[in-house]
N, C-alpha and C. Protein backbone atom coordinates (compact mmCIF):
# COMPACT_ATOMS: atom_id res chain seq x y z
N MET A 1 -12.46 -36.64 -5.56
CA MET A 1 -12.74 -35.43 -4.78
C MET A 1 -11.53 -34.50 -4.80
N THR A 2 -10.35 -35.07 -4.64
CA THR A 2 -9.16 -34.21 -4.64
C THR A 2 -8.88 -33.64 -6.03
N ASP A 3 -9.32 -34.35 -7.07
CA ASP A 3 -9.14 -33.81 -8.43
C ASP A 3 -9.98 -32.55 -8.62
N ILE A 4 -11.19 -32.56 -8.12
CA ILE A 4 -12.07 -31.39 -8.22
C ILE A 4 -11.48 -30.23 -7.43
N LEU A 5 -10.98 -30.52 -6.23
CA LEU A 5 -10.38 -29.46 -5.41
C LEU A 5 -9.12 -28.91 -6.07
N THR A 6 -8.32 -29.77 -6.68
CA THR A 6 -7.10 -29.31 -7.33
C THR A 6 -7.41 -28.41 -8.52
N VAL A 7 -8.38 -28.81 -9.33
CA VAL A 7 -8.76 -27.98 -10.48
C VAL A 7 -9.36 -26.66 -9.99
N SER A 8 -10.17 -26.70 -8.96
CA SER A 8 -10.75 -25.47 -8.40
C SER A 8 -9.67 -24.55 -7.85
N LEU A 9 -8.65 -25.13 -7.23
CA LEU A 9 -7.55 -24.35 -6.69
C LEU A 9 -6.75 -23.70 -7.82
N LEU A 10 -6.53 -24.42 -8.89
CA LEU A 10 -5.81 -23.85 -10.03
C LEU A 10 -6.59 -22.71 -10.69
N ILE A 11 -7.88 -22.89 -10.85
CA ILE A 11 -8.72 -21.85 -11.45
C ILE A 11 -8.76 -20.62 -10.54
N THR A 12 -8.90 -20.85 -9.25
CA THR A 12 -8.94 -19.75 -8.29
C THR A 12 -7.62 -18.98 -8.28
N SER A 13 -6.51 -19.71 -8.33
CA SER A 13 -5.22 -19.03 -8.33
C SER A 13 -5.00 -18.22 -9.60
N ALA A 14 -5.44 -18.74 -10.75
CA ALA A 14 -5.31 -17.99 -12.00
C ALA A 14 -6.17 -16.72 -11.95
N LEU A 15 -7.39 -16.83 -11.46
CA LEU A 15 -8.26 -15.67 -11.34
C LEU A 15 -7.69 -14.64 -10.36
N LEU A 16 -7.09 -15.12 -9.28
CA LEU A 16 -6.50 -14.23 -8.29
C LEU A 16 -5.33 -13.45 -8.89
N VAL A 17 -4.51 -14.11 -9.68
CA VAL A 17 -3.39 -13.43 -10.33
C VAL A 17 -3.90 -12.37 -11.30
N ILE A 18 -4.92 -12.71 -12.08
CA ILE A 18 -5.48 -11.76 -13.05
C ILE A 18 -6.07 -10.54 -12.34
N ILE A 19 -6.81 -10.77 -11.26
CA ILE A 19 -7.44 -9.66 -10.52
C ILE A 19 -6.37 -8.78 -9.87
N ILE A 20 -5.31 -9.37 -9.36
CA ILE A 20 -4.24 -8.58 -8.75
C ILE A 20 -3.53 -7.74 -9.79
N ILE A 21 -3.32 -8.29 -10.99
CA ILE A 21 -2.68 -7.53 -12.05
C ILE A 21 -3.56 -6.36 -12.50
N LEU A 22 -4.87 -6.54 -12.46
CA LEU A 22 -5.79 -5.49 -12.90
C LEU A 22 -5.90 -4.32 -11.93
N GLN A 23 -5.45 -4.50 -10.70
CA GLN A 23 -5.58 -3.43 -9.71
C GLN A 23 -4.64 -2.28 -10.04
N PRO A 24 -5.02 -1.05 -9.64
CA PRO A 24 -4.20 0.12 -9.95
C PRO A 24 -2.81 0.03 -9.32
N LYS A 25 -1.84 0.55 -10.03
CA LYS A 25 -0.46 0.51 -9.54
C LYS A 25 -0.23 1.64 -8.54
N GLY A 26 0.75 1.44 -7.66
CA GLY A 26 1.10 2.47 -6.69
C GLY A 26 0.27 2.44 -5.43
N GLU A 27 -0.66 1.51 -5.33
CA GLU A 27 -1.52 1.45 -4.15
C GLU A 27 -0.72 1.05 -2.90
N TRP A 28 0.30 0.22 -3.06
CA TRP A 28 1.07 -0.25 -1.91
C TRP A 28 1.87 0.88 -1.28
N LEU A 29 2.18 1.92 -2.04
CA LEU A 29 2.93 3.03 -1.47
C LEU A 29 2.14 3.76 -0.41
N SER A 30 0.84 3.88 -0.61
CA SER A 30 0.03 4.58 0.38
C SER A 30 -0.14 3.76 1.65
N LEU A 31 0.02 2.45 1.55
CA LEU A 31 -0.11 1.61 2.73
C LEU A 31 1.13 1.68 3.62
N THR A 32 2.28 2.03 3.04
CA THR A 32 3.51 2.08 3.82
C THR A 32 3.72 3.42 4.50
N GLY A 33 2.85 4.38 4.23
CA GLY A 33 2.96 5.67 4.89
C GLY A 33 3.56 6.75 4.02
N THR A 34 4.13 6.39 2.88
CA THR A 34 4.66 7.41 1.99
C THR A 34 3.62 7.71 0.94
N SER A 35 3.25 8.98 0.85
CA SER A 35 2.19 9.34 -0.10
C SER A 35 2.80 9.67 -1.45
N VAL A 36 2.06 9.37 -2.48
CA VAL A 36 2.48 9.69 -3.84
C VAL A 36 1.80 10.98 -4.23
N GLY A 37 2.55 12.05 -4.30
CA GLY A 37 1.95 13.34 -4.63
C GLY A 37 1.25 13.95 -3.43
N SER A 38 0.48 14.98 -3.69
CA SER A 38 -0.18 15.67 -2.59
C SER A 38 -1.56 15.10 -2.28
N SER A 39 -2.08 14.28 -3.18
CA SER A 39 -3.44 13.77 -2.96
C SER A 39 -3.38 12.29 -2.61
N ALA A 40 -3.19 11.99 -1.34
CA ALA A 40 -3.20 10.60 -0.87
C ALA A 40 -4.64 10.16 -0.72
N ARG A 41 -5.01 9.08 -1.40
CA ARG A 41 -6.39 8.60 -1.36
C ARG A 41 -6.53 7.52 -0.31
N PHE A 42 -7.60 7.60 0.44
CA PHE A 42 -7.85 6.61 1.48
C PHE A 42 -9.09 5.78 1.17
N GLU A 43 -9.92 6.24 0.25
CA GLU A 43 -11.14 5.51 -0.09
C GLU A 43 -11.00 4.88 -1.47
N LYS A 44 -11.59 3.72 -1.59
CA LYS A 44 -11.68 3.08 -2.90
C LYS A 44 -13.10 3.29 -3.40
N ARG A 45 -13.22 3.58 -4.69
CA ARG A 45 -14.54 3.81 -5.26
C ARG A 45 -14.66 3.11 -6.59
N GLY A 46 -15.87 2.75 -6.94
CA GLY A 46 -16.16 2.21 -8.26
C GLY A 46 -15.48 0.88 -8.54
N ALA A 47 -14.82 0.83 -9.67
CA ALA A 47 -14.17 -0.42 -10.11
C ALA A 47 -13.04 -0.83 -9.17
N GLU A 48 -12.35 0.15 -8.61
CA GLU A 48 -11.26 -0.16 -7.68
C GLU A 48 -11.79 -0.87 -6.44
N LEU A 49 -12.93 -0.44 -5.93
CA LEU A 49 -13.55 -1.08 -4.77
C LEU A 49 -14.00 -2.50 -5.12
N MET A 50 -14.58 -2.65 -6.31
CA MET A 50 -15.03 -3.97 -6.74
C MET A 50 -13.85 -4.94 -6.89
N LEU A 51 -12.75 -4.49 -7.48
CA LEU A 51 -11.57 -5.34 -7.61
C LEU A 51 -11.00 -5.71 -6.25
N HIS A 52 -11.03 -4.76 -5.32
CA HIS A 52 -10.53 -5.02 -3.97
C HIS A 52 -11.36 -6.10 -3.28
N ARG A 53 -12.68 -6.00 -3.40
CA ARG A 53 -13.56 -6.98 -2.76
C ARG A 53 -13.45 -8.35 -3.42
N ILE A 54 -13.31 -8.37 -4.75
CA ILE A 54 -13.12 -9.65 -5.44
C ILE A 54 -11.81 -10.29 -5.03
N THR A 55 -10.77 -9.49 -4.85
CA THR A 55 -9.48 -10.02 -4.42
C THR A 55 -9.59 -10.67 -3.04
N ILE A 56 -10.28 -10.01 -2.13
CA ILE A 56 -10.46 -10.57 -0.79
C ILE A 56 -11.26 -11.87 -0.85
N ALA A 57 -12.34 -11.88 -1.62
CA ALA A 57 -13.17 -13.08 -1.72
C ALA A 57 -12.39 -14.24 -2.35
N LEU A 58 -11.65 -13.96 -3.42
CA LEU A 58 -10.86 -15.03 -4.04
C LEU A 58 -9.75 -15.54 -3.12
N SER A 59 -9.19 -14.65 -2.32
CA SER A 59 -8.17 -15.06 -1.36
C SER A 59 -8.74 -16.01 -0.31
N VAL A 60 -9.92 -15.70 0.17
CA VAL A 60 -10.58 -16.55 1.17
C VAL A 60 -10.91 -17.92 0.55
N VAL A 61 -11.41 -17.91 -0.68
CA VAL A 61 -11.72 -19.18 -1.37
C VAL A 61 -10.45 -19.98 -1.59
N TYR A 62 -9.36 -19.30 -1.98
CA TYR A 62 -8.09 -19.98 -2.22
C TYR A 62 -7.58 -20.67 -0.95
N VAL A 63 -7.61 -19.95 0.16
CA VAL A 63 -7.14 -20.52 1.43
C VAL A 63 -8.03 -21.69 1.85
N ALA A 64 -9.34 -21.55 1.69
CA ALA A 64 -10.25 -22.63 2.06
C ALA A 64 -10.01 -23.86 1.20
N LEU A 65 -9.82 -23.67 -0.10
CA LEU A 65 -9.55 -24.81 -0.98
C LEU A 65 -8.21 -25.45 -0.64
N ALA A 66 -7.21 -24.65 -0.35
CA ALA A 66 -5.89 -25.20 -0.01
C ALA A 66 -5.96 -26.01 1.29
N LEU A 67 -6.69 -25.50 2.28
CA LEU A 67 -6.84 -26.24 3.54
C LEU A 67 -7.63 -27.53 3.33
N ALA A 68 -8.69 -27.46 2.55
CA ALA A 68 -9.48 -28.66 2.27
C ALA A 68 -8.64 -29.70 1.54
N LEU A 69 -7.85 -29.25 0.57
CA LEU A 69 -7.00 -30.18 -0.16
C LEU A 69 -5.92 -30.78 0.74
N TYR A 70 -5.40 -30.00 1.66
CA TYR A 70 -4.40 -30.49 2.60
C TYR A 70 -5.01 -31.53 3.54
N LEU A 71 -6.19 -31.23 4.06
CA LEU A 71 -6.82 -32.14 5.01
C LEU A 71 -7.28 -33.45 4.35
N LEU A 72 -7.70 -33.37 3.09
CA LEU A 72 -8.16 -34.57 2.41
C LEU A 72 -7.03 -35.36 1.76
N GLY A 73 -5.92 -34.68 1.49
CA GLY A 73 -4.83 -35.32 0.76
C GLY A 73 -3.87 -35.94 1.69
């Protein structure tokens, strides 16, 4: 059982890294309050929104797998 969870955790972490790398650069600057240029965007649309939602879902799965592996191991 722990072998399946470990492999799932590794796959999830690899996918999470890939999805984070695919996200647009400079997004963190708008979160800190400093805008880049005159057009500060507050909405995500299209592929950017999909990547954001996939990142959140993979993060939740990663934490759940890590907790399950901790509790069983």
